[in-house]
Amino acid sequence: MKEVNIPLYDRPKAYKLMQDGITQRFEYSIDSFWKFLKFYLEIISKISIESPSPKVVFRQVLQSMLITEYEFRILIDCVTERNLTSHTYDEKTAKKIQDHIPLYYVTMKIILDRLQLDQN
């Protein structure tokens, strides 16, 4: 990959764009994740969810013993922080949330890997 030199006067703008991109990817990743879990429950586990929302889906996944209590709490925190980013944008809040993204990513990856293994 070719290295790009950003002029000093453009670095704050480039940094802000990068931070905005991280936040947006976080938002659609958690949205896609809970919708996948809803689909998994309905199709694979044959469990119907009448009022789909992320927290309801996560609770049902926990009750189905597909995730641990610890993973459940992380996912609830993740959705709570996702809601903070979508309703109001505050740079300090966004930075705090971005610090948590690696934990959220690892948690989602572990759950996805476990579900995939269950299907093999």
Protein backbone atom coordinates (compact mmCIF):
# COMPACT_ATOMS: atom_id res chain seq x y z
CA MET A 1 0.00 0.00 0.00
CA LYS A 2 1.33 3.40 -0.95
CA GLU A 3 1.88 5.82 1.92
CA VAL A 4 -0.03 9.07 1.64
CA ASN A 5 1.49 12.27 2.95
CA ILE A 6 -1.19 14.59 4.27
CA PRO A 7 -0.12 18.23 4.51
CA LEU A 8 0.03 19.52 8.09
CA TYR A 9 -2.85 21.97 7.52
CA ASP A 10 -5.15 19.12 6.40
CA ARG A 11 -4.35 16.66 9.20
CA PRO A 12 -7.08 17.78 11.64
CA LYS A 13 -9.63 17.49 8.83
CA ALA A 14 -8.33 14.05 7.82
CA TYR A 15 -8.38 12.91 11.46
CA LYS A 16 -11.97 14.09 11.87
CA LEU A 17 -13.03 12.24 8.72
CA MET A 18 -11.33 9.07 9.97
CA GLN A 19 -13.07 9.34 13.35
CA ASP A 20 -16.45 9.89 11.66
CA GLY A 21 -15.83 6.81 9.52
CA ILE A 22 -15.02 4.68 12.57
CA THR A 23 -18.24 5.80 14.24
CA GLN A 24 -20.34 5.08 11.15
CA ARG A 25 -18.84 1.60 10.73
CA PHE A 26 -19.53 0.91 14.38
CA GLU A 27 -23.17 1.95 13.95
CA TYR A 28 -23.91 -0.22 10.95
CA SER A 29 -21.89 -3.14 12.30
CA ILE A 30 -23.95 -3.43 15.49
CA ASP A 31 -27.16 -2.88 13.49
CA SER A 32 -26.25 -5.69 11.12
CA PHE A 33 -25.17 -7.92 14.00
CA TRP A 34 -28.41 -7.77 15.98
CA LYS A 35 -30.46 -8.23 12.80
CA PHE A 36 -28.37 -11.29 11.94
CA LEU A 37 -29.02 -12.71 15.43
CA LYS A 38 -32.75 -12.11 14.95
CA PHE A 39 -32.61 -13.96 11.64
CA TYR A 40 -30.60 -16.76 13.27
CA LEU A 41 -33.18 -17.16 16.03
CA GLU A 42 -36.06 -17.23 13.57
CA ILE A 43 -34.54 -19.49 10.91
CA ILE A 44 -32.15 -21.77 12.78
CA SER A 45 -33.64 -21.85 16.27
CA LYS A 46 -37.27 -21.45 15.11
CA ILE A 47 -37.92 -18.73 17.70
CA SER A 48 -40.21 -15.92 16.68
CA ILE A 49 -39.58 -12.44 18.02
CA GLU A 50 -42.69 -10.28 18.07
CA SER A 51 -41.25 -6.88 18.91
CA PRO A 52 -37.78 -6.84 17.41
CA SER A 53 -35.31 -4.46 18.95
CA PRO A 54 -31.64 -5.07 19.67
CA LYS A 55 -32.15 -5.50 23.42
CA VAL A 56 -35.08 -7.89 22.95
CA VAL A 57 -33.05 -9.95 20.47
CA PHE A 58 -30.00 -10.06 22.75
CA ARG A 59 -32.19 -11.12 25.69
CA GLN A 60 -33.68 -13.92 23.60
CA VAL A 61 -30.25 -15.05 22.40
CA LEU A 62 -29.14 -15.16 26.04
CA GLN A 63 -32.22 -17.16 27.05
CA SER A 64 -31.47 -19.55 24.18
CA MET A 65 -27.98 -19.99 25.69
CA LEU A 66 -26.26 -18.87 22.51
CA ILE A 67 -24.33 -16.17 24.39
CA THR A 68 -23.02 -15.81 27.92
CA GLU A 69 -24.24 -13.32 30.51
CA TYR A 70 -20.95 -11.43 30.09
CA GLU A 71 -21.41 -11.21 26.30
CA PHE A 72 -25.00 -10.09 26.84
CA ARG A 73 -23.89 -7.19 29.05
CA ILE A 74 -21.27 -6.15 26.48
CA LEU A 75 -23.85 -6.20 23.68
CA ILE A 76 -26.29 -4.14 25.75
CA ASP A 77 -23.53 -1.58 26.39
CA CYS A 78 -22.71 -1.63 22.69
CA VAL A 79 -26.31 -0.85 21.66
CA THR A 80 -26.59 1.83 24.33
CA GLU A 81 -23.47 3.52 22.99
CA ARG A 82 -24.65 3.08 19.41
CA ASN A 83 -27.81 4.98 20.34
CA LEU A 84 -25.70 7.78 21.77
CA THR A 85 -23.82 8.18 18.49
CA SER A 86 -26.94 8.23 16.34
CA HIS A 87 -29.02 10.74 18.33
CA THR A 88 -26.43 13.35 19.21
CA TYR A 89 -22.87 13.77 18.10
CA ASP A 90 -20.43 14.83 20.76
CA GLU A 91 -16.73 14.46 20.04
CA LYS A 92 -15.83 13.44 23.62
CA THR A 93 -18.57 10.81 23.66
CA ALA A 94 -17.53 9.53 20.23
CA LYS A 95 -13.91 9.16 21.37
CA LYS A 96 -14.98 7.28 24.51
CA ILE A 97 -17.11 4.94 22.42
CA GLN A 98 -14.29 4.41 19.91
CA ASP A 99 -12.12 3.20 22.78
CA HIS A 100 -14.69 0.43 23.40
CA ILE A 101 -15.01 -0.69 19.78
CA PRO A 102 -12.21 -3.31 19.95
CA LEU A 103 -14.04 -5.08 22.81
CA TYR A 104 -17.33 -4.94 20.87
CA TYR A 105 -15.66 -6.30 17.75
CA VAL A 106 -14.02 -9.21 19.58
CA THR A 107 -17.29 -10.06 21.33
CA MET A 108 -19.26 -10.10 18.07
CA LYS A 109 -16.54 -12.17 16.37
CA ILE A 110 -16.51 -14.76 19.17
CA ILE A 111 -20.29 -15.11 18.99
CA LEU A 112 -20.29 -15.41 15.19
CA ASP A 113 -17.53 -18.03 15.31
CA ARG A 114 -19.45 -20.00 17.93
CA LEU A 115 -22.66 -19.93 15.87
CA GLN A 116 -20.76 -21.01 12.78
CA LEU A 117 -19.23 -23.95 14.69
CA ASP A 118 -22.70 -24.96 15.89
CA GLN A 119 -23.77 -25.25 12.27
CA ASN A 120 -20.87 -27.53 11.25
